Amino acid sequence: MSTRDRILDAAATVLREQGIARATTKEIARAADCSEALLYKHFAGKHELFLGVLSERAPRLPQPDELVGTRMVRQNLETLVSRLVDFYVESFPMSASILGSPDLLTAHRAGLRRLGAGPTAPARQVQAYLDAEIALGRVDSGVDTHALARTVTGAALFEAFLAVYEGHSSVPDAEGRARGIVASVRL
């Protein structure tokens, strides 16, 4: 296992246990059995580590081009929503702690912006998929893809929040919940 992978694995564990607000690079380096200096050779800081964990250790959303024109649109959207639920269950405990500290949230927001990331990325990805399906004529051109993407992304986040709140490590019947969410929207 590479040093970078070891650091990401340690960061995922520490961030899950403590959240991004309380986790320190010193603790992550200790968990990875390396120095902070070595950690900083691979990652610019905690924000970059957080994004690395989300992009490389959390459940991945299929890219729009992997889905466009395949299967039924509702099936593809159900897959996206199910993966979103999994992603949010994994990431919510890491990121929720930041909301309780205005100063940390401001710094975190600035750090994510510098890296071109943020909480709207999943909704933008869903919207890109829906826009591509409109271009193929598989989704009605009157559909507000921005609103639809935020609706299903928000519903997935809510399902994940409830699961984490109840102490679950996953959403019970996530695929069924995803089907229900998608069934409630107009395509």
C-alpha atoms as a PDB file:
ATOM      1  CA  MET A   1       0.000   0.000   0.000  1.00  0.00           C
ATOM      2  CA  SER A   2       1.390   3.418  -0.933  1.00  0.00           C
ATOM      3  CA  THR A   3       1.987   6.126   1.653  1.00  0.00           C
ATOM      4  CA  ARG A   4      -0.725   8.248   0.069  1.00  0.00           C
ATOM      5  CA  ASP A   5      -3.245   5.394   0.362  1.00  0.00           C
ATOM      6  CA  ARG A   6      -2.232   4.790   3.973  1.00  0.00           C
ATOM      7  CA  ILE A   7      -2.783   8.481   4.724  1.00  0.00           C
ATOM      8  CA  LEU A   8      -6.188   8.465   2.993  1.00  0.00           C
ATOM      9  CA  ASP A   9      -7.282   5.358   4.912  1.00  0.00           C
ATOM     10  CA  ALA A  10      -6.199   6.943   8.194  1.00  0.00           C
ATOM     11  CA  ALA A  11      -7.901  10.222   7.278  1.00  0.00           C
ATOM     12  CA  ALA A  12     -11.137   8.398   6.480  1.00  0.00           C
ATOM     13  CA  THR A  13     -11.095   6.714   9.895  1.00  0.00           C
ATOM     14  CA  VAL A  14     -10.190   9.858  11.846  1.00  0.00           C
ATOM     15  CA  LEU A  15     -12.658  12.042   9.939  1.00  0.00           C
ATOM     16  CA  ARG A  16     -15.473   9.508  10.464  1.00  0.00           C
ATOM     17  CA  GLU A  17     -14.753   9.285  14.173  1.00  0.00           C
ATOM     18  CA  GLN A  18     -14.132  12.969  14.894  1.00  0.00           C
ATOM     19  CA  GLY A  19     -15.515  14.965  11.984  1.00  0.00           C
ATOM     20  CA  ILE A  20     -13.555  17.519  10.043  1.00  0.00           C
ATOM     21  CA  ALA A  21     -13.969  20.211  12.706  1.00  0.00           C
ATOM     22  CA  ARG A  22     -12.161  18.219  15.422  1.00  0.00           C
ATOM     23  CA  ALA A  23      -9.754  16.097  13.390  1.00  0.00           C
ATOM     24  CA  THR A  24      -6.205  17.380  13.061  1.00  0.00           C
ATOM     25  CA  THR A  25      -3.490  16.589  10.558  1.00  0.00           C
ATOM     26  CA  LYS A  26      -1.346  15.542  13.519  1.00  0.00           C
ATOM     27  CA  GLU A  27      -3.902  12.868  14.488  1.00  0.00           C
ATOM     28  CA  ILE A  28      -4.246  11.730  10.890  1.00  0.00           C
ATOM     29  CA  ALA A  29      -0.459  11.459  10.511  1.00  0.00           C
ATOM     30  CA  ARG A  30      -0.267   9.453  13.750  1.00  0.00           C
ATOM     31  CA  ALA A  31      -3.021   7.101  12.560  1.00  0.00           C
ATOM     32  CA  ALA A  32      -1.169   6.690   9.232  1.00  0.00           C
ATOM     33  CA  ASP A  33       2.075   6.021  11.093  1.00  0.00           C
ATOM     34  CA  CYS A  34       3.864   8.878   9.356  1.00  0.00           C
ATOM     35  CA  SER A  35       5.047  12.393  10.118  1.00  0.00           C
ATOM     36  CA  GLU A  36       2.980  15.494   9.458  1.00  0.00           C
ATOM     37  CA  ALA A  37       5.714  16.599   7.062  1.00  0.00           C
ATOM     38  CA  LEU A  38       5.172  13.435   5.001  1.00  0.00           C
ATOM     39  CA  LEU A  39       1.409  13.986   5.082  1.00  0.00           C
ATOM     40  CA  TYR A  40       1.962  17.517   3.707  1.00  0.00           C
ATOM     41  CA  LYS A  41       4.093  16.126   0.878  1.00  0.00           C
ATOM     42  CA  HIS A  42       0.960  14.362  -0.367  1.00  0.00           C
ATOM     43  CA  PHE A  43      -1.805  16.773   0.689  1.00  0.00           C
ATOM     44  CA  ALA A  44      -1.823  20.561   1.076  1.00  0.00           C
ATOM     45  CA  GLY A  45      -3.964  20.356   4.210  1.00  0.00           C
ATOM     46  CA  LYS A  46      -7.059  19.026   5.881  1.00  0.00           C
ATOM     47  CA  HIS A  47      -9.422  20.284   3.150  1.00  0.00           C
ATOM     48  CA  GLU A  48      -7.481  18.465   0.457  1.00  0.00           C
ATOM     49  CA  LEU A  49      -7.436  15.335   2.633  1.00  0.00           C
ATOM     50  CA  PHE A  50     -11.204  15.604   3.142  1.00  0.00           C
ATOM     51  CA  LEU A  51     -11.752  15.861  -0.618  1.00  0.00           C
ATOM     52  CA  GLY A  52      -9.378  12.951  -1.201  1.00  0.00           C
ATOM     53  CA  VAL A  53     -11.364  10.804   1.213  1.00  0.00           C
ATOM     54  CA  LEU A  54     -14.652  11.814  -0.425  1.00  0.00           C
ATOM     55  CA  SER A  55     -13.407  11.217  -3.949  1.00  0.00           C
ATOM     56  CA  GLU A  56     -11.340   8.083  -3.325  1.00  0.00           C
ATOM     57  CA  ARG A  57     -12.820   6.378  -0.261  1.00  0.00           C
ATOM     58  CA  ALA A  58     -16.525   7.263  -0.327  1.00  0.00           C
ATOM     59  CA  PRO A  59     -19.013   5.580  -2.671  1.00  0.00           C
ATOM     60  CA  ARG A  60     -18.562   7.001  -6.153  1.00  0.00           C
ATOM     61  CA  LEU A  61     -21.342   8.403  -8.310  1.00  0.00           C
ATOM     62  CA  PRO A  62     -21.365   7.167 -11.874  1.00  0.00           C
ATOM     63  CA  GLN A  63     -20.268   9.857 -14.316  1.00  0.00           C
ATOM     64  CA  PRO A  64     -23.080  11.140 -16.566  1.00  0.00           C
ATOM     65  CA  ASP A  65     -21.458   9.683 -19.698  1.00  0.00           C
ATOM     66  CA  GLU A  66     -21.496   6.229 -18.066  1.00  0.00           C
ATOM     67  CA  LEU A  67     -25.299   6.365 -17.865  1.00  0.00           C
ATOM     68  CA  VAL A  68     -26.546   8.526 -20.721  1.00  0.00           C
ATOM     69  CA  GLY A  69     -28.502   6.539 -23.274  1.00  0.00           C
ATOM     70  CA  THR A  70     -28.315   3.303 -21.278  1.00  0.00           C
ATOM     71  CA  ARG A  71     -31.188   1.508 -19.538  1.00  0.00           C
ATOM     72  CA  MET A  72     -34.348   3.436 -18.686  1.00  0.00           C
ATOM     73  CA  VAL A  73     -33.838   6.993 -17.430  1.00  0.00           C
ATOM     74  CA  ARG A  74     -35.693   6.194 -14.188  1.00  0.00           C
ATOM     75  CA  GLN A  75     -33.421   3.196 -13.570  1.00  0.00           C
ATOM     76  CA  ASN A  76     -30.340   5.359 -14.081  1.00  0.00           C
ATOM     77  CA  LEU A  77     -31.742   8.023 -11.785  1.00  0.00           C
ATOM     78  CA  GLU A  78     -32.504   5.351  -9.167  1.00  0.00           C
ATOM     79  CA  THR A  79     -28.868   4.237  -9.390  1.00  0.00           C
ATOM     80  CA  LEU A  80     -27.686   7.816  -8.918  1.00  0.00           C
ATOM     81  CA  VAL A  81     -29.995   8.375  -5.934  1.00  0.00           C
ATOM     82  CA  SER A  82     -29.002   5.074  -4.328  1.00  0.00           C
ATOM     83  CA  ARG A  83     -25.311   5.968  -4.702  1.00  0.00           C
ATOM     84  CA  LEU A  84     -26.010   9.450  -3.352  1.00  0.00           C
ATOM     85  CA  VAL A  85     -27.593   7.891  -0.258  1.00  0.00           C
ATOM     86  CA  ASP A  86     -24.498   5.727   0.234  1.00  0.00           C
ATOM     87  CA  PHE A  87     -22.196   8.709  -0.352  1.00  0.00           C
ATOM     88  CA  TYR A  88     -24.045  10.887   2.148  1.00  0.00           C
ATOM     89  CA  VAL A  89     -24.175   8.164   4.811  1.00  0.00           C
ATOM     90  CA  GLU A  90     -20.399   7.934   4.503  1.00  0.00           C
ATOM     91  CA  SER A  91     -19.668  11.666   4.310  1.00  0.00           C
ATOM     92  CA  PHE A  92     -22.276  13.104   6.675  1.00  0.00           C
ATOM     93  CA  PRO A  93     -20.504  12.120   9.911  1.00  0.00           C
ATOM     94  CA  MET A  94     -17.269  13.582   8.544  1.00  0.00           C
ATOM     95  CA  SER A  95     -18.673  16.921   7.484  1.00  0.00           C
ATOM     96  CA  ALA A  96     -21.596  17.652   9.823  1.00  0.00           C
ATOM     97  CA  SER A  97     -19.370  18.847  12.661  1.00  0.00           C
ATOM     98  CA  ILE A  98     -18.202  21.810  10.612  1.00  0.00           C
ATOM     99  CA  LEU A  99     -21.700  23.329  10.623  1.00  0.00           C
ATOM    100  CA  GLY A 100     -21.514  24.051  14.358  1.00  0.00           C
ATOM    101  CA  SER A 101     -18.586  26.461  14.057  1.00  0.00           C
ATOM    102  CA  PRO A 102     -19.072  29.577  11.898  1.00  0.00           C
ATOM    103  CA  ASP A 103     -15.317  30.282  11.783  1.00  0.00           C
ATOM    104  CA  LEU A 104     -14.438  26.718  10.764  1.00  0.00           C
ATOM    105  CA  LEU A 105     -17.265  26.668   8.221  1.00  0.00           C
ATOM    106  CA  THR A 106     -15.996  29.884   6.642  1.00  0.00           C
ATOM    107  CA  ALA A 107     -12.464  28.487   6.415  1.00  0.00           C
ATOM    108  CA  HIS A 108     -13.733  25.136   5.118  1.00  0.00           C
ATOM    109  CA  ARG A 109     -15.898  26.837   2.482  1.00  0.00           C
ATOM    110  CA  ALA A 110     -12.928  28.914   1.308  1.00  0.00           C
ATOM    111  CA  GLY A 111     -10.710  25.823   1.196  1.00  0.00           C
ATOM    112  CA  LEU A 112     -13.208  23.877  -0.893  1.00  0.00           C
ATOM    113  CA  ARG A 113     -13.710  26.822  -3.260  1.00  0.00           C
ATOM    114  CA  ARG A 114      -9.947  27.038  -3.832  1.00  0.00           C
ATOM    115  CA  LEU A 115     -10.058  23.369  -4.820  1.00  0.00           C
ATOM    116  CA  GLY A 116     -13.139  23.828  -7.047  1.00  0.00           C
ATOM    117  CA  ALA A 117     -15.317  21.633  -4.849  1.00  0.00           C
ATOM    118  CA  GLY A 118     -18.293  21.952  -2.555  1.00  0.00           C
ATOM    119  CA  PRO A 119     -21.659  20.560  -1.571  1.00  0.00           C
ATOM    120  CA  THR A 120     -23.352  21.362  -4.886  1.00  0.00           C
ATOM    121  CA  ALA A 121     -21.116  18.947  -6.832  1.00  0.00           C
ATOM    122  CA  PRO A 122     -23.432  15.904  -6.517  1.00  0.00           C
ATOM    123  CA  ALA A 123     -26.475  17.898  -7.657  1.00  0.00           C
ATOM    124  CA  ARG A 124     -24.487  19.317 -10.585  1.00  0.00           C
ATOM    125  CA  GLN A 125     -23.539  15.786 -11.577  1.00  0.00           C
ATOM    126  CA  VAL A 126     -27.179  14.633 -11.506  1.00  0.00           C
ATOM    127  CA  GLN A 127     -28.176  17.727 -13.476  1.00  0.00           C
ATOM    128  CA  ALA A 128     -25.490  17.038 -16.099  1.00  0.00           C
ATOM    129  CA  TYR A 129     -26.893  13.524 -16.515  1.00  0.00           C
ATOM    130  CA  LEU A 130     -30.468  14.830 -16.909  1.00  0.00           C
ATOM    131  CA  ASP A 131     -29.382  17.559 -19.357  1.00  0.00           C
ATOM    132  CA  ALA A 132     -27.616  14.933 -21.482  1.00  0.00           C
ATOM    133  CA  GLU A 133     -30.760  12.779 -21.500  1.00  0.00           C
ATOM    134  CA  ILE A 134     -32.810  15.817 -22.609  1.00  0.00           C
ATOM    135  CA  ALA A 135     -30.356  16.293 -25.479  1.00  0.00           C
ATOM    136  CA  LEU A 136     -31.063  12.683 -26.534  1.00  0.00           C
ATOM    137  CA  GLY A 137     -34.817  13.238 -26.263  1.00  0.00           C
ATOM    138  CA  ARG A 138     -35.199  10.695 -23.453  1.00  0.00           C
ATOM    139  CA  VAL A 139     -36.353  13.319 -20.907  1.00  0.00           C
ATOM    140  CA  ASP A 140     -39.011  15.964 -21.584  1.00  0.00           C
ATOM    141  CA  SER A 141     -37.356  19.280 -22.476  1.00  0.00           C
ATOM    142  CA  GLY A 142     -39.742  21.074 -20.100  1.00  0.00           C
ATOM    143  CA  VAL A 143     -38.198  19.416 -17.050  1.00  0.00           C
ATOM    144  CA  ASP A 144     -36.346  21.842 -14.782  1.00  0.00           C
ATOM    145  CA  THR A 145     -33.198  19.751 -14.394  1.00  0.00           C
ATOM    146  CA  HIS A 146     -31.686  22.119 -11.849  1.00  0.00           C
ATOM    147  CA  ALA A 147     -34.686  21.769  -9.529  1.00  0.00           C
ATOM    148  CA  LEU A 148     -35.047  18.040 -10.170  1.00  0.00           C
ATOM    149  CA  ALA A 149     -31.373  17.378  -9.424  1.00  0.00           C
ATOM    150  CA  ARG A 150     -31.588  19.327  -6.170  1.00  0.00           C
ATOM    151  CA  THR A 151     -34.819  17.579  -5.225  1.00  0.00           C
ATOM    152  CA  VAL A 152     -33.453  14.052  -5.560  1.00  0.00           C
ATOM    153  CA  THR A 153     -30.082  15.018  -4.078  1.00  0.00           C
ATOM    154  CA  GLY A 154     -31.815  16.642  -1.106  1.00  0.00           C
ATOM    155  CA  ALA A 155     -34.025  13.590  -0.593  1.00  0.00           C
ATOM    156  CA  ALA A 156     -30.964  11.328  -0.644  1.00  0.00           C
ATOM    157  CA  LEU A 157     -29.229  13.568   1.893  1.00  0.00           C
ATOM    158  CA  PHE A 158     -32.306  13.458   4.141  1.00  0.00           C
ATOM    159  CA  GLU A 159     -32.460   9.649   4.028  1.00  0.00           C
ATOM    160  CA  ALA A 160     -28.763   9.498   4.931  1.00  0.00           C
ATOM    161  CA  PHE A 161     -29.223  12.004   7.747  1.00  0.00           C
ATOM    162  CA  LEU A 162     -32.044   9.922   9.247  1.00  0.00           C
ATOM    163  CA  ALA A 163     -29.949   6.746   9.049  1.00  0.00           C
ATOM    164  CA  VAL A 164     -26.929   8.377  10.702  1.00  0.00           C
ATOM    165  CA  TYR A 165     -29.177   9.972  13.324  1.00  0.00           C
ATOM    166  CA  GLU A 166     -30.609   6.550  14.177  1.00  0.00           C
ATOM    167  CA  GLY A 167     -27.099   5.099  14.454  1.00  0.00           C
ATOM    168  CA  HIS A 168     -27.209   3.059  11.242  1.00  0.00           C
ATOM    169  CA  SER A 169     -24.148   2.659   9.041  1.00  0.00           C
ATOM    170  CA  SER A 170     -26.376   2.440   5.957  1.00  0.00           C
ATOM    171  CA  VAL A 171     -29.896   3.355   4.925  1.00  0.00           C
ATOM    172  CA  PRO A 172     -32.250   0.411   5.395  1.00  0.00           C
ATOM    173  CA  ASP A 173     -33.595  -0.583   1.965  1.00  0.00           C
ATOM    174  CA  ALA A 174     -31.652   2.191   0.236  1.00  0.00           C
ATOM    175  CA  GLU A 175     -32.578   0.912  -3.212  1.00  0.00           C
ATOM    176  CA  GLY A 176     -36.273   0.896  -2.315  1.00  0.00           C
ATOM    177  CA  ARG A 177     -35.988   4.427  -0.948  1.00  0.00           C
ATOM    178  CA  ALA A 178     -34.231   5.500  -4.146  1.00  0.00           C
ATOM    179  CA  ARG A 179     -37.064   3.995  -6.230  1.00  0.00           C
ATOM    180  CA  GLY A 180     -39.608   5.870  -4.111  1.00  0.00           C
ATOM    181  CA  ILE A 181     -37.780   9.159  -4.489  1.00  0.00           C
ATOM    182  CA  VAL A 182     -37.505   8.779  -8.265  1.00  0.00           C
ATOM    183  CA  ALA A 183     -41.129   7.661  -8.574  1.00  0.00           C
ATOM    184  CA  SER A 184     -42.195  10.946  -6.982  1.00  0.00           C
ATOM    185  CA  VAL A 185     -40.672  13.166  -9.685  1.00  0.00           C
ATOM    186  CA  ARG A 186     -41.763  14.004 -13.227  1.00  0.00           C
ATOM    187  CA  LEU A 187     -39.426  13.126 -16.064  1.00  0.00           C
END
